[in-house]
């Protein structure tokens, strides 16, 4: 997960930070990479075999939608 101050770290800055921290969503080191705010990091889709079919999964995801879906989930209530 990469959290940044979006007003301080712009598109070029976040790309540089990913390089500096060796965060490359295309690598197999990470299953999912979360990043907050808008960015220009290329989206990576991976294919997994699930129930006999191929499913495409976003490897790079924004934190906010994921956070909100879990925050307001009532599944475990």
C-alpha atoms as a PDB file:
ATOM      1  CA  UNK A   1       0.000   0.000   0.000  1.00  0.00           C
ATOM      2  CA  UNK A   2       1.299   3.414  -0.924  1.00  0.00           C
ATOM      3  CA  UNK A   3      -0.233   6.406   0.855  1.00  0.00           C
ATOM      4  CA  UNK A   4       0.883   9.884  -0.123  1.00  0.00           C
ATOM      5  CA  UNK A   5      -0.082  13.510   0.290  1.00  0.00           C
ATOM      6  CA  UNK A   6      -1.612  14.097  -3.147  1.00  0.00           C
ATOM      7  CA  UNK A   7      -1.101  17.864  -2.905  1.00  0.00           C
ATOM      8  CA  UNK A   8       2.629  17.425  -2.313  1.00  0.00           C
ATOM      9  CA  UNK A   9       3.432  14.375  -4.450  1.00  0.00           C
ATOM     10  CA  UNK A  10       2.186  14.796  -8.033  1.00  0.00           C
ATOM     11  CA  UNK A  11       2.121  12.225 -10.861  1.00  0.00           C
ATOM     12  CA  UNK A  12       5.861  12.416 -11.528  1.00  0.00           C
ATOM     13  CA  UNK A  13       6.574  12.349  -7.802  1.00  0.00           C
ATOM     14  CA  UNK A  14       4.559   9.183  -7.194  1.00  0.00           C
ATOM     15  CA  UNK A  15       6.215   7.475 -10.155  1.00  0.00           C
ATOM     16  CA  UNK A  16       9.612   8.444  -8.728  1.00  0.00           C
ATOM     17  CA  UNK A  17       8.599   7.193  -5.278  1.00  0.00           C
ATOM     18  CA  UNK A  18       7.532   3.846  -6.721  1.00  0.00           C
ATOM     19  CA  UNK A  19      10.906   3.573  -8.451  1.00  0.00           C
ATOM     20  CA  UNK A  20      12.754   4.545  -5.264  1.00  0.00           C
ATOM     21  CA  UNK A  21      10.825   1.995  -3.162  1.00  0.00           C
ATOM     22  CA  UNK A  22      11.066  -0.656  -5.912  1.00  0.00           C
ATOM     23  CA  UNK A  23       7.276  -0.896  -6.156  1.00  0.00           C
ATOM     24  CA  UNK A  24       6.429  -2.211  -9.595  1.00  0.00           C
ATOM     25  CA  UNK A  25       2.876  -3.546 -10.002  1.00  0.00           C
ATOM     26  CA  UNK A  26       4.042  -5.599 -12.982  1.00  0.00           C
ATOM     27  CA  UNK A  27       6.336  -7.662 -10.731  1.00  0.00           C
ATOM     28  CA  UNK A  28       5.074 -10.844  -9.134  1.00  0.00           C
ATOM     29  CA  UNK A  29       6.342  -9.697  -5.745  1.00  0.00           C
ATOM     30  CA  UNK A  30       2.931  -8.173  -4.882  1.00  0.00           C
ATOM     31  CA  UNK A  31      -0.546  -9.655  -5.370  1.00  0.00           C
ATOM     32  CA  UNK A  32      -2.198  -6.221  -5.209  1.00  0.00           C
ATOM     33  CA  UNK A  33      -0.773  -2.715  -4.967  1.00  0.00           C
ATOM     34  CA  UNK A  34      -3.006  -0.047  -3.420  1.00  0.00           C
ATOM     35  CA  UNK A  35      -2.377   3.660  -3.980  1.00  0.00           C
ATOM     36  CA  UNK A  36      -4.434   6.659  -2.913  1.00  0.00           C
ATOM     37  CA  UNK A  37      -5.662   9.362  -5.249  1.00  0.00           C
ATOM     38  CA  UNK A  38      -5.199   9.759  -8.967  1.00  0.00           C
ATOM     39  CA  UNK A  39      -1.921   8.571 -10.429  1.00  0.00           C
ATOM     40  CA  UNK A  40      -0.239   7.749 -13.716  1.00  0.00           C
ATOM     41  CA  UNK A  41       1.151   4.340 -12.746  1.00  0.00           C
ATOM     42  CA  UNK A  42       0.194   1.846 -15.477  1.00  0.00           C
ATOM     43  CA  UNK A  43      -2.649  -0.465 -14.513  1.00  0.00           C
ATOM     44  CA  UNK A  44      -1.742  -4.122 -14.507  1.00  0.00           C
ATOM     45  CA  UNK A  45      -4.260  -6.901 -15.098  1.00  0.00           C
ATOM     46  CA  UNK A  46      -3.422 -10.446 -14.091  1.00  0.00           C
ATOM     47  CA  UNK A  47      -5.292 -13.581 -15.071  1.00  0.00           C
ATOM     48  CA  UNK A  48      -6.221 -16.214 -12.524  1.00  0.00           C
ATOM     49  CA  UNK A  49      -7.884 -19.574 -12.975  1.00  0.00           C
ATOM     50  CA  UNK A  50     -10.958 -19.675 -10.792  1.00  0.00           C
ATOM     51  CA  UNK A  51     -13.704 -22.301 -11.084  1.00  0.00           C
ATOM     52  CA  UNK A  52     -12.366 -23.481 -14.422  1.00  0.00           C
ATOM     53  CA  UNK A  53     -12.339 -20.071 -16.115  1.00  0.00           C
ATOM     54  CA  UNK A  54      -9.966 -17.189 -16.566  1.00  0.00           C
ATOM     55  CA  UNK A  55     -10.624 -14.074 -14.526  1.00  0.00           C
ATOM     56  CA  UNK A  56      -8.845 -10.773 -15.021  1.00  0.00           C
ATOM     57  CA  UNK A  57      -7.903  -9.061 -11.777  1.00  0.00           C
ATOM     58  CA  UNK A  58      -6.689  -5.505 -11.304  1.00  0.00           C
ATOM     59  CA  UNK A  59      -3.315  -5.669  -9.629  1.00  0.00           C
ATOM     60  CA  UNK A  60      -3.095  -1.897  -9.033  1.00  0.00           C
ATOM     61  CA  UNK A  61      -6.092  -0.484  -7.166  1.00  0.00           C
ATOM     62  CA  UNK A  62      -7.101   2.785  -5.595  1.00  0.00           C
ATOM     63  CA  UNK A  63      -7.395   2.663  -1.810  1.00  0.00           C
ATOM     64  CA  UNK A  64     -10.518   4.827  -1.480  1.00  0.00           C
ATOM     65  CA  UNK A  65     -13.121   2.569  -3.196  1.00  0.00           C
ATOM     66  CA  UNK A  66     -11.749  -0.496  -1.404  1.00  0.00           C
ATOM     67  CA  UNK A  67     -11.798   1.291   1.951  1.00  0.00           C
ATOM     68  CA  UNK A  68     -15.363   2.516   1.471  1.00  0.00           C
ATOM     69  CA  UNK A  69     -16.638  -0.907   0.435  1.00  0.00           C
ATOM     70  CA  UNK A  70     -15.227  -2.444   3.624  1.00  0.00           C
ATOM     71  CA  UNK A  71     -16.193   0.467   5.849  1.00  0.00           C
ATOM     72  CA  UNK A  72     -19.876   0.248   4.989  1.00  0.00           C
ATOM     73  CA  UNK A  73     -20.071  -3.536   4.517  1.00  0.00           C
ATOM     74  CA  UNK A  74     -22.725  -5.241   6.639  1.00  0.00           C
ATOM     75  CA  UNK A  75     -21.758  -8.814   5.712  1.00  0.00           C
ATOM     76  CA  UNK A  76     -20.280  -9.685   9.127  1.00  0.00           C
ATOM     77  CA  UNK A  77     -22.920  -7.961  11.218  1.00  0.00           C
END
